[in-house]
Amino acid sequence: MSAPTTVNSHELDQMLTSATPPRVIDVRTPGEFETAHIAGSYNVPLDMLREHRDEIVQHLDQEVVLVCRSGQRATQAEATLREAGLCNVHILDGGITAWEAKGFSVNRGTQRWDLERQVRLVAGSIVLTSVLGSIAAPKLKWVAGAIGGGLTFAALSDTCAMGMMLAKLPYNRGAACDAQTVVSRLVER
């Protein structure tokens, strides 16, 4: 299988103003999407895309550009769509972070912390608490070790169980985002 095709922010901007603009699919959580997203993009969270890929792929007949915070989840989404037979898929290099850094506009809503920042807060808090708590209860140090092991596995496997769990919290859910609504929005265009 060939390497994923990426487009940079300038290329995507040109594609969006062309006669046949691509569908921009943002695979971040609804909460992250509400915070900032590229105008005209569709929010299809990664877990929903994986679960309903065959249904979604039926409505993607033009070029598709996948967006997430930095490119990691978009790469996973690209592999999912390619497995379903979709070949016209690209990834925004550097994600929404690079898009904003290059000065391109986004639609802004309620400000929330990025999922990655939430993972750092939770993991760091658990490690700090367990290390300090190990003064009184020495076995608590193993909790810190387990979190370290989990973070190491997350880096090696390019997945994050803690991030997937945090994405399910009401804070990260944002507006209702279900498969039927997503598909109906894709069909409308």
N, C-alpha and C. Protein backbone atom coordinates (compact mmCIF):
# COMPACT_ATOMS: atom_id res chain seq x y z
N MET A 1 0.84 -1.17 0.00
CA MET A 1 0.00 0.00 0.00
C MET A 1 0.89 1.24 0.00
N SER A 2 0.54 2.24 -0.77
CA SER A 2 1.36 3.44 -0.88
C SER A 2 1.16 4.34 0.34
N ALA A 3 2.11 5.24 0.53
CA ALA A 3 2.05 6.19 1.64
C ALA A 3 0.89 7.16 1.43
N PRO A 4 0.29 7.63 2.50
CA PRO A 4 -0.81 8.58 2.37
C PRO A 4 -0.38 9.85 1.63
N THR A 5 -1.28 10.40 0.86
CA THR A 5 -1.02 11.64 0.15
C THR A 5 -1.37 12.80 1.06
N THR A 6 -0.44 13.72 1.21
CA THR A 6 -0.71 14.89 2.04
C THR A 6 -0.81 16.13 1.15
N VAL A 7 -1.54 17.11 1.65
CA VAL A 7 -1.60 18.43 1.02
C VAL A 7 -1.27 19.44 2.10
N ASN A 8 -0.55 20.48 1.73
CA ASN A 8 -0.24 21.49 2.73
C ASN A 8 -1.37 22.52 2.77
N SER A 9 -1.29 23.44 3.69
CA SER A 9 -2.35 24.43 3.89
C SER A 9 -2.59 25.28 2.65
N HIS A 10 -1.53 25.69 1.99
CA HIS A 10 -1.68 26.52 0.78
C HIS A 10 -2.37 25.73 -0.34
N GLU A 11 -1.99 24.45 -0.49
CA GLU A 11 -2.63 23.62 -1.51
C GLU A 11 -4.11 23.42 -1.22
N LEU A 12 -4.44 23.19 0.04
CA LEU A 12 -5.85 23.01 0.40
C LEU A 12 -6.62 24.30 0.14
N ASP A 13 -6.05 25.43 0.47
CA ASP A 13 -6.73 26.71 0.22
C ASP A 13 -7.03 26.87 -1.27
N GLN A 14 -6.07 26.52 -2.12
CA GLN A 14 -6.30 26.59 -3.57
C GLN A 14 -7.36 25.59 -4.01
N MET A 15 -7.32 24.39 -3.44
CA MET A 15 -8.32 23.38 -3.79
C MET A 15 -9.73 23.84 -3.42
N LEU A 16 -9.85 24.52 -2.28
CA LEU A 16 -11.16 24.96 -1.81
C LEU A 16 -11.77 26.05 -2.69
N THR A 17 -10.93 26.80 -3.39
CA THR A 17 -11.45 27.85 -4.27
C THR A 17 -11.53 27.40 -5.72
N SER A 18 -11.27 26.14 -5.98
CA SER A 18 -11.33 25.62 -7.35
C SER A 18 -12.78 25.34 -7.74
N ALA A 19 -12.97 25.00 -9.00
CA ALA A 19 -14.31 24.68 -9.52
C ALA A 19 -14.86 23.40 -8.89
N THR A 20 -13.97 22.49 -8.50
CA THR A 20 -14.41 21.23 -7.86
C THR A 20 -13.69 21.08 -6.52
N PRO A 21 -14.17 21.80 -5.51
CA PRO A 21 -13.50 21.72 -4.20
C PRO A 21 -13.67 20.33 -3.57
N PRO A 22 -12.71 19.94 -2.75
CA PRO A 22 -12.81 18.65 -2.07
C PRO A 22 -13.77 18.72 -0.89
N ARG A 23 -14.15 17.56 -0.41
CA ARG A 23 -14.88 17.50 0.85
C ARG A 23 -13.82 17.49 1.94
N VAL A 24 -13.94 18.39 2.86
CA VAL A 24 -13.02 18.45 3.99
C VAL A 24 -13.71 17.77 5.17
N ILE A 25 -13.13 16.68 5.61
CA ILE A 25 -13.70 15.92 6.72
C ILE A 25 -12.77 16.03 7.92
N ASP A 26 -13.31 16.59 8.98
CA ASP A 26 -12.57 16.81 10.22
C ASP A 26 -12.89 15.65 11.16
N VAL A 27 -11.87 14.87 11.52
CA VAL A 27 -12.09 13.65 12.31
C VAL A 27 -11.85 13.85 13.81
N ARG A 28 -11.78 15.10 14.24
CA ARG A 28 -11.63 15.37 15.67
C ARG A 28 -12.97 15.18 16.38
N THR A 29 -12.95 15.27 17.69
CA THR A 29 -14.20 15.15 18.46
C THR A 29 -15.10 16.34 18.15
N PRO A 30 -16.41 16.20 18.36
CA PRO A 30 -17.31 17.33 18.14
C PRO A 30 -16.92 18.56 18.97
N GLY A 31 -16.44 18.34 20.18
CA GLY A 31 -16.01 19.46 21.01
C GLY A 31 -14.83 20.20 20.40
N GLU A 32 -13.85 19.46 19.90
CA GLU A 32 -12.70 20.09 19.24
C GLU A 32 -13.14 20.82 17.97
N PHE A 33 -14.04 20.19 17.22
CA PHE A 33 -14.55 20.78 15.98
C PHE A 33 -15.25 22.10 16.27
N GLU A 34 -16.07 22.13 17.32
CA GLU A 34 -16.78 23.36 17.67
C GLU A 34 -15.82 24.47 18.05
N THR A 35 -14.70 24.13 18.65
CA THR A 35 -13.72 25.14 19.06
C THR A 35 -13.18 25.89 17.86
N ALA A 36 -12.78 25.18 16.83
CA ALA A 36 -12.26 25.80 15.60
C ALA A 36 -12.27 24.78 14.48
N HIS A 37 -12.79 25.19 13.33
CA HIS A 37 -12.78 24.30 12.16
C HIS A 37 -12.74 25.11 10.87
N ILE A 38 -12.32 24.45 9.81
CA ILE A 38 -12.26 25.08 8.49
C ILE A 38 -13.69 25.22 7.98
N ALA A 39 -14.02 26.40 7.48
CA ALA A 39 -15.37 26.66 6.98
C ALA A 39 -15.75 25.62 5.92
N GLY A 40 -16.94 25.10 6.03
CA GLY A 40 -17.44 24.13 5.07
C GLY A 40 -17.03 22.70 5.33
N SER A 41 -16.24 22.47 6.38
CA SER A 41 -15.82 21.11 6.67
C SER A 41 -16.93 20.35 7.39
N TYR A 42 -16.85 19.02 7.31
CA TYR A 42 -17.81 18.14 7.95
C TYR A 42 -17.13 17.47 9.13
N ASN A 43 -17.83 17.39 10.25
CA ASN A 43 -17.28 16.72 11.42
C ASN A 43 -17.73 15.26 11.42
N VAL A 44 -16.76 14.36 11.24
CA VAL A 44 -17.00 12.92 11.31
C VAL A 44 -15.92 12.36 12.25
N PRO A 45 -16.22 12.30 13.56
CA PRO A 45 -15.21 11.83 14.51
C PRO A 45 -14.63 10.47 14.10
N LEU A 46 -13.36 10.28 14.40
CA LEU A 46 -12.64 9.08 13.96
C LEU A 46 -13.36 7.79 14.35
N ASP A 47 -13.85 7.70 15.59
CA ASP A 47 -14.51 6.45 15.98
C ASP A 47 -15.79 6.22 15.18
N MET A 48 -16.52 7.29 14.85
CA MET A 48 -17.73 7.15 14.02
C MET A 48 -17.36 6.76 12.60
N LEU A 49 -16.29 7.35 12.07
CA LEU A 49 -15.85 7.02 10.72
C LEU A 49 -15.49 5.55 10.61
N ARG A 50 -14.81 5.05 11.63
CA ARG A 50 -14.44 3.63 11.62
C ARG A 50 -15.68 2.74 11.68
N GLU A 51 -16.62 3.10 12.53
CA GLU A 51 -17.82 2.28 12.72
C GLU A 51 -18.76 2.30 11.51
N HIS A 52 -18.85 3.44 10.81
CA HIS A 52 -19.81 3.60 9.72
C HIS A 52 -19.12 3.89 8.38
N ARG A 53 -17.90 3.41 8.22
CA ARG A 53 -17.12 3.77 7.04
C ARG A 53 -17.79 3.40 5.73
N ASP A 54 -18.38 2.22 5.64
CA ASP A 54 -18.99 1.79 4.38
C ASP A 54 -20.16 2.69 3.99
N GLU A 55 -20.95 3.07 4.97
CA GLU A 55 -22.08 3.97 4.73
C GLU A 55 -21.59 5.36 4.32
N ILE A 56 -20.55 5.84 4.97
CA ILE A 56 -20.01 7.17 4.69
C ILE A 56 -19.33 7.20 3.32
N VAL A 57 -18.56 6.17 3.00
CA VAL A 57 -17.82 6.11 1.73
C VAL A 57 -18.75 6.21 0.53
N GLN A 58 -19.97 5.70 0.65
CA GLN A 58 -20.93 5.76 -0.46
C GLN A 58 -21.23 7.20 -0.88
N HIS A 59 -20.99 8.17 0.01
CA HIS A 59 -21.34 9.57 -0.27
C HIS A 59 -20.11 10.45 -0.48
N LEU A 60 -18.97 9.82 -0.72
CA LEU A 60 -17.73 10.57 -0.95
C LEU A 60 -17.24 10.29 -2.36
N ASP A 61 -17.80 11.01 -3.32
CA ASP A 61 -17.47 10.75 -4.72
C ASP A 61 -16.47 11.73 -5.31
N GLN A 62 -16.05 12.72 -4.55
CA GLN A 62 -15.02 13.63 -5.04
C GLN A 62 -13.79 13.55 -4.13
N GLU A 63 -12.81 14.40 -4.39
CA GLU A 63 -11.61 14.42 -3.56
C GLU A 63 -12.00 14.67 -2.10
N VAL A 64 -11.28 14.03 -1.19
CA VAL A 64 -11.52 14.17 0.23
C VAL A 64 -10.21 14.58 0.90
N VAL A 65 -10.29 15.59 1.77
CA VAL A 65 -9.13 15.97 2.58
C VAL A 65 -9.52 15.78 4.03
N LEU A 66 -8.72 14.98 4.73
CA LEU A 66 -8.96 14.67 6.13
C LEU A 66 -8.17 15.62 7.02
N VAL A 67 -8.81 16.09 8.08
CA VAL A 67 -8.20 17.06 8.98
C VAL A 67 -8.37 16.58 10.42
N CYS A 68 -7.34 16.78 11.21
CA CYS A 68 -7.44 16.60 12.66
C CYS A 68 -6.56 17.68 13.29
N ARG A 69 -6.14 17.50 14.50
CA ARG A 69 -5.34 18.54 15.15
C ARG A 69 -3.96 18.66 14.50
N SER A 70 -3.29 17.52 14.34
CA SER A 70 -1.91 17.57 13.84
C SER A 70 -1.64 16.62 12.67
N GLY A 71 -2.56 15.73 12.38
CA GLY A 71 -2.39 14.78 11.29
C GLY A 71 -2.43 13.33 11.70
N GLN A 72 -2.31 13.06 12.98
CA GLN A 72 -2.24 11.68 13.48
C GLN A 72 -3.57 10.94 13.29
N ARG A 73 -4.67 11.52 13.75
CA ARG A 73 -5.97 10.86 13.59
C ARG A 73 -6.39 10.83 12.12
N ALA A 74 -6.03 11.88 11.37
CA ALA A 74 -6.36 11.90 9.94
C ALA A 74 -5.65 10.75 9.21
N THR A 75 -4.45 10.43 9.63
CA THR A 75 -3.72 9.30 9.03
C THR A 75 -4.44 7.99 9.31
N GLN A 76 -4.96 7.84 10.51
CA GLN A 76 -5.72 6.63 10.85
C GLN A 76 -7.02 6.59 10.04
N ALA A 77 -7.67 7.74 9.89
CA ALA A 77 -8.91 7.80 9.09
C ALA A 77 -8.63 7.48 7.63
N GLU A 78 -7.51 7.96 7.11
CA GLU A 78 -7.15 7.70 5.72
C GLU A 78 -6.99 6.20 5.49
N ALA A 79 -6.34 5.51 6.42
CA ALA A 79 -6.17 4.06 6.29
C ALA A 79 -7.53 3.36 6.31
N THR A 80 -8.43 3.82 7.14
CA THR A 80 -9.78 3.24 7.22
C THR A 80 -10.52 3.42 5.91
N LEU A 81 -10.46 4.61 5.33
CA LEU A 81 -11.17 4.88 4.07
C LEU A 81 -10.55 4.12 2.90
N ARG A 82 -9.23 4.01 2.88
CA ARG A 82 -8.56 3.24 1.81
C ARG A 82 -8.95 1.76 1.89
N GLU A 83 -9.03 1.23 3.11
CA GLU A 83 -9.46 -0.17 3.29
C GLU A 83 -10.87 -0.38 2.74
N ALA A 84 -11.68 0.67 2.78
CA ALA A 84 -13.06 0.59 2.28
C ALA A 84 -13.12 0.85 0.77
N GLY A 85 -11.96 1.08 0.15
CA GLY A 85 -11.90 1.24 -1.30
C GLY A 85 -11.87 2.66 -1.82
N LEU A 86 -11.81 3.65 -0.94
CA LEU A 86 -11.76 5.04 -1.38
C LEU A 86 -10.31 5.43 -1.68
N CYS A 87 -10.06 5.92 -2.89
CA CYS A 87 -8.69 6.22 -3.31
C CYS A 87 -8.38 7.71 -3.39
N ASN A 88 -9.39 8.55 -3.39
CA ASN A 88 -9.20 9.98 -3.59
C ASN A 88 -9.09 10.73 -2.26
N VAL A 89 -8.27 10.20 -1.36
CA VAL A 89 -8.17 10.72 0.00
C VAL A 89 -6.80 11.37 0.23
N HIS A 90 -6.82 12.53 0.85
CA HIS A 90 -5.60 13.26 1.20
C HIS A 90 -5.66 13.64 2.68
N ILE A 91 -4.52 13.96 3.24
CA ILE A 91 -4.43 14.38 4.64
C ILE A 91 -3.85 15.79 4.66
N LEU A 92 -4.46 16.68 5.45
CA LEU A 92 -3.90 18.02 5.61
C LEU A 92 -2.65 17.91 6.47
N ASP A 93 -1.52 18.19 5.87
CA ASP A 93 -0.23 18.10 6.54
C ASP A 93 -0.19 19.07 7.72
N GLY A 94 0.02 18.54 8.92
CA GLY A 94 0.08 19.39 10.11
C GLY A 94 -1.28 19.71 10.70
N GLY A 95 -2.35 19.28 10.05
CA GLY A 95 -3.69 19.46 10.58
C GLY A 95 -4.13 20.90 10.75
N ILE A 96 -5.14 21.07 11.58
CA ILE A 96 -5.72 22.40 11.81
C ILE A 96 -4.69 23.31 12.46
N THR A 97 -3.75 22.73 13.20
CA THR A 97 -2.70 23.52 13.83
C THR A 97 -1.86 24.23 12.78
N ALA A 98 -1.45 23.51 11.73
CA ALA A 98 -0.66 24.11 10.65
C ALA A 98 -1.50 25.11 9.85
N TRP A 99 -2.77 24.77 9.62
CA TRP A 99 -3.68 25.65 8.88
C TRP A 99 -3.76 27.02 9.56
N GLU A 100 -3.98 27.01 10.87
CA GLU A 100 -4.06 28.28 11.61
C GLU A 100 -2.70 28.98 11.66
N ALA A 101 -1.62 28.22 11.83
CA ALA A 101 -0.28 28.81 11.90
C ALA A 101 0.09 29.53 10.60
N LYS A 102 -0.45 29.06 9.48
CA LYS A 102 -0.18 29.69 8.18
C LYS A 102 -1.09 30.91 7.94
N GLY A 103 -1.96 31.20 8.90
CA GLY A 103 -2.80 32.39 8.80
C GLY A 103 -4.14 32.20 8.12
N PHE A 104 -4.53 30.95 7.85
CA PHE A 104 -5.82 30.72 7.23
C PHE A 104 -6.92 30.78 8.28
N SER A 105 -8.09 31.23 7.88
CA SER A 105 -9.17 31.46 8.85
C SER A 105 -9.88 30.16 9.22
N VAL A 106 -10.47 30.21 10.39
CA VAL A 106 -11.28 29.11 10.90
C VAL A 106 -12.54 29.70 11.51
N ASN A 107 -13.58 28.90 11.56
CA ASN A 107 -14.78 29.27 12.29
C ASN A 107 -14.56 28.90 13.74
N ARG A 108 -14.77 29.86 14.63
CA ARG A 108 -14.52 29.63 16.06
C ARG A 108 -15.83 29.53 16.83
N GLY A 109 -15.80 28.69 17.84
CA GLY A 109 -16.94 28.51 18.73
C GLY A 109 -16.45 28.49 20.16
N THR A 110 -17.11 27.71 20.99
CA THR A 110 -16.74 27.56 22.39
C THR A 110 -15.31 27.03 22.49
N GLN A 111 -14.48 27.70 23.26
CA GLN A 111 -13.10 27.28 23.39
C GLN A 111 -12.97 26.13 24.39
N ARG A 112 -12.27 25.09 23.96
CA ARG A 112 -12.01 23.91 24.80
C ARG A 112 -10.54 23.53 24.64
N TRP A 113 -10.06 22.76 25.60
CA TRP A 113 -8.71 22.24 25.49
C TRP A 113 -8.68 21.15 24.44
N ASP A 114 -7.56 21.07 23.68
CA ASP A 114 -7.36 19.98 22.74
C ASP A 114 -7.30 18.67 23.51
N LEU A 115 -7.67 17.60 22.84
CA LEU A 115 -7.66 16.28 23.46
C LEU A 115 -6.25 15.91 23.94
N GLU A 116 -5.24 16.24 23.16
CA GLU A 116 -3.86 15.93 23.54
C GLU A 116 -3.48 16.62 24.85
N ARG A 117 -3.92 17.87 25.01
CA ARG A 117 -3.63 18.62 26.24
C ARG A 117 -4.36 17.98 27.42
N GLN A 118 -5.58 17.51 27.20
CA GLN A 118 -6.33 16.84 28.26
C GLN A 118 -5.63 15.56 28.70
N VAL A 119 -5.09 14.81 27.73
CA VAL A 119 -4.36 13.58 28.06
C VAL A 119 -3.14 13.91 28.92
N ARG A 120 -2.41 14.96 28.55
CA ARG A 120 -1.23 15.35 29.34
C ARG A 120 -1.63 15.73 30.75
N LEU A 121 -2.75 16.47 30.90
CA LEU A 121 -3.21 16.87 32.23
C LEU A 121 -3.58 15.65 33.07
N VAL A 122 -4.38 14.75 32.52
CA VAL A 122 -4.83 13.59 33.29
C VAL A 122 -3.65 12.67 33.62
N ALA A 123 -2.84 12.35 32.63
CA ALA A 123 -1.69 11.45 32.88
C ALA A 123 -0.73 12.07 33.89
N GLY A 124 -0.41 13.34 33.69
CA GLY A 124 0.50 14.02 34.62
C GLY A 124 -0.05 14.09 36.03
N SER A 125 -1.35 14.36 36.16
CA SER A 125 -1.98 14.42 37.48
C SER A 125 -1.95 13.07 38.18
N ILE A 126 -2.22 12.02 37.42
CA ILE A 126 -2.20 10.67 38.02
C ILE A 126 -0.78 10.32 38.47
N VAL A 127 0.21 10.61 37.64
CA VAL A 127 1.60 10.30 38.00
C VAL A 127 2.01 11.11 39.23
N LEU A 128 1.75 12.41 39.22
CA LEU A 128 2.13 13.26 40.35
C LEU A 128 1.46 12.79 41.64
N THR A 129 0.16 12.54 41.57
CA THR A 129 -0.58 12.10 42.75
C THR A 129 -0.08 10.76 43.27
N SER A 130 0.17 9.83 42.37
CA SER A 130 0.63 8.51 42.82
C SER A 130 2.05 8.56 43.39
N VAL A 131 2.92 9.39 42.82
CA VAL A 131 4.28 9.51 43.36
C VAL A 131 4.24 10.16 44.75
N LEU A 132 3.46 11.24 44.87
CA LEU A 132 3.35 11.88 46.19
C LEU A 132 2.66 10.95 47.18
N GLY A 133 1.62 10.24 46.73
CA GLY A 133 0.92 9.31 47.60
C GLY A 133 1.76 8.12 48.00
N SER A 134 2.79 7.80 47.20
CA SER A 134 3.64 6.65 47.52
C SER A 134 4.50 6.91 48.75
N ILE A 135 4.56 8.15 49.20
CA ILE A 135 5.27 8.45 50.45
C ILE A 135 4.55 7.75 51.61
N ALA A 136 3.22 7.79 51.57
CA ALA A 136 2.42 7.15 52.62
C ALA A 136 2.08 5.70 52.27
N ALA A 137 1.85 5.43 50.99
CA ALA A 137 1.49 4.08 50.55
C ALA A 137 2.42 3.71 49.40
N PRO A 138 3.56 3.09 49.70
CA PRO A 138 4.61 2.83 48.70
C PRO A 138 4.15 2.12 47.42
N LYS A 139 3.12 1.32 47.50
CA LYS A 139 2.68 0.60 46.30
C LYS A 139 2.04 1.51 45.26
N LEU A 140 1.71 2.73 45.62
CA LEU A 140 1.12 3.67 44.65
C LEU A 140 2.09 4.01 43.53
N LYS A 141 3.37 3.80 43.75
CA LYS A 141 4.35 4.09 42.68
C LYS A 141 4.06 3.26 41.44
N TRP A 142 3.41 2.11 41.60
CA TRP A 142 3.10 1.25 40.46
C TRP A 142 2.03 1.87 39.57
N VAL A 143 1.20 2.73 40.13
CA VAL A 143 0.22 3.45 39.31
C VAL A 143 0.95 4.37 38.35
N ALA A 144 1.96 5.07 38.86
CA ALA A 144 2.77 5.94 38.00
C ALA A 144 3.46 5.11 36.92
N GLY A 145 3.96 3.93 37.31
CA GLY A 145 4.60 3.04 36.34
C GLY A 145 3.63 2.58 35.26
N ALA A 146 2.40 2.28 35.66
CA ALA A 146 1.38 1.84 34.69
C ALA A 146 1.06 2.96 33.70
N ILE A 147 0.96 4.18 34.19
CA ILE A 147 0.68 5.31 33.29
C ILE A 147 1.86 5.50 32.34
N GLY A 148 3.08 5.39 32.84
CA GLY A 148 4.26 5.48 31.98
C GLY A 148 4.27 4.40 30.91
N GLY A 149 3.91 3.18 31.31
CA GLY A 149 3.81 2.08 30.34
C GLY A 149 2.74 2.35 29.30
N GLY A 150 1.61 2.87 29.75
CA GLY A 150 0.53 3.19 28.82
C GLY A 150 0.93 4.26 27.83
N LEU A 151 1.63 5.28 28.30
CA LEU A 151 2.09 6.35 27.39
C LEU A 151 3.14 5.82 26.41
N THR A 152 3.99 4.93 26.87
CA THR A 152 4.98 4.32 25.98
C THR A 152 4.29 3.50 24.89
N PHE A 153 3.30 2.69 25.30
CA PHE A 153 2.54 1.90 24.33
C PHE A 153 1.81 2.82 23.35
N ALA A 154 1.24 3.91 23.85
CA ALA A 154 0.53 4.86 22.99
C ALA A 154 1.47 5.42 21.92
N ALA A 155 2.69 5.74 22.32
CA ALA A 155 3.65 6.28 21.36
C ALA A 155 4.06 5.22 20.33
N LEU A 156 4.31 4.01 20.78
CA LEU A 156 4.76 2.95 19.87
C LEU A 156 3.66 2.49 18.92
N SER A 157 2.42 2.46 19.40
CA SER A 157 1.31 1.97 18.58
C SER A 157 0.58 3.09 17.84
N ASP A 158 0.92 4.33 18.15
CA ASP A 158 0.29 5.50 17.54
C ASP A 158 -1.22 5.51 17.82
N THR A 159 -1.59 5.05 19.01
CA THR A 159 -2.97 5.09 19.49
C THR A 159 -2.94 5.62 20.91
N CYS A 160 -4.08 6.00 21.43
CA CYS A 160 -4.11 6.50 22.80
C CYS A 160 -5.43 6.12 23.45
N ALA A 161 -5.39 5.10 24.30
CA ALA A 161 -6.60 4.64 24.98
C ALA A 161 -7.17 5.73 25.87
N MET A 162 -6.30 6.47 26.56
CA MET A 162 -6.78 7.54 27.43
C MET A 162 -7.47 8.62 26.61
N GLY A 163 -6.90 8.95 25.47
CA GLY A 163 -7.51 9.95 24.59
C GLY A 163 -8.86 9.49 24.09
N MET A 164 -8.98 8.20 23.76
CA MET A 164 -10.26 7.66 23.29
C MET A 164 -11.31 7.72 24.40
N MET A 165 -10.89 7.47 25.63
CA MET A 165 -11.83 7.54 26.75
C MET A 165 -12.23 9.00 27.02
N LEU A 166 -11.26 9.90 27.00
CA LEU A 166 -11.57 11.31 27.24
C LEU A 166 -12.48 11.88 26.15
N ALA A 167 -12.34 11.39 24.93
CA ALA A 167 -13.17 11.88 23.82
C ALA A 167 -14.64 11.57 24.05
N LYS A 168 -14.94 10.59 24.88
CA LYS A 168 -16.33 10.21 25.14
C LYS A 168 -16.98 11.04 26.24
N LEU A 169 -16.20 11.86 26.95
CA LEU A 169 -16.77 12.69 28.01
C LEU A 169 -17.69 13.75 27.43
N PRO A 170 -18.73 14.13 28.17
CA PRO A 170 -19.67 15.16 27.67
C PRO A 170 -18.97 16.46 27.26
N TYR A 171 -17.90 16.82 27.96
CA TYR A 171 -17.15 18.03 27.64
C TYR A 171 -16.62 18.01 26.20
N ASN A 172 -16.25 16.85 25.73
CA ASN A 172 -15.69 16.71 24.38
C ASN A 172 -16.71 16.36 23.32
N ARG A 173 -17.90 16.07 23.72
CA ARG A 173 -18.92 15.65 22.76
C ARG A 173 -19.44 16.81 21.93
N GLY A 174 -19.59 17.98 22.52
CA GLY A 174 -20.13 19.11 21.77
C GLY A 174 -21.55 18.82 21.33
N ALA A 175 -21.93 19.38 20.19
CA ALA A 175 -23.27 19.16 19.64
C ALA A 175 -23.44 17.70 19.26
N ALA A 176 -24.68 17.27 19.22
CA ALA A 176 -24.97 15.88 18.85
C ALA A 176 -24.36 15.56 17.48
N CYS A 177 -23.68 14.45 17.42
CA CYS A 177 -23.02 14.04 16.18
C CYS A 177 -23.25 12.54 16.03
N ASP A 178 -24.26 12.20 15.25
CA ASP A 178 -24.55 10.78 15.04
C ASP A 178 -24.39 10.45 13.56
N ALA A 179 -24.28 9.16 13.27
CA ALA A 179 -24.00 8.72 11.90
C ALA A 179 -25.08 9.17 10.93
N GLN A 180 -26.33 9.10 11.32
CA GLN A 180 -27.42 9.48 10.43
C GLN A 180 -27.34 10.97 10.05
N THR A 181 -27.04 11.83 11.03
CA THR A 181 -26.89 13.26 10.76
C THR A 181 -25.71 13.52 9.85
N VAL A 182 -24.58 12.86 10.11
CA VAL A 182 -23.38 13.03 9.28
C VAL A 182 -23.66 12.64 7.84
N VAL A 183 -24.28 11.47 7.65
CA VAL A 183 -24.56 11.00 6.30
C VAL A 183 -25.53 11.94 5.60
N SER A 184 -26.55 12.42 6.32
CA SER A 184 -27.51 13.34 5.68
C SER A 184 -26.84 14.65 5.25
N ARG A 185 -25.88 15.12 6.02
CA ARG A 185 -25.13 16.34 5.64
C ARG A 185 -24.28 16.08 4.41
N LEU A 186 -23.68 14.90 4.33
CA LEU A 186 -22.86 14.56 3.16
C LEU A 186 -23.73 14.46 1.91
N VAL A 187 -24.94 13.95 2.05
CA VAL A 187 -25.85 13.79 0.91
C VAL A 187 -26.36 15.14 0.43
N GLU A 188 -26.59 16.09 1.37
CA GLU A 188 -27.13 17.41 1.02
C GLU A 188 -26.27 18.14 0.01
N ARG A 189 -24.96 17.99 0.10
CA ARG A 189 -24.07 18.77 -0.76
C ARG A 189 -24.15 18.35 -2.19
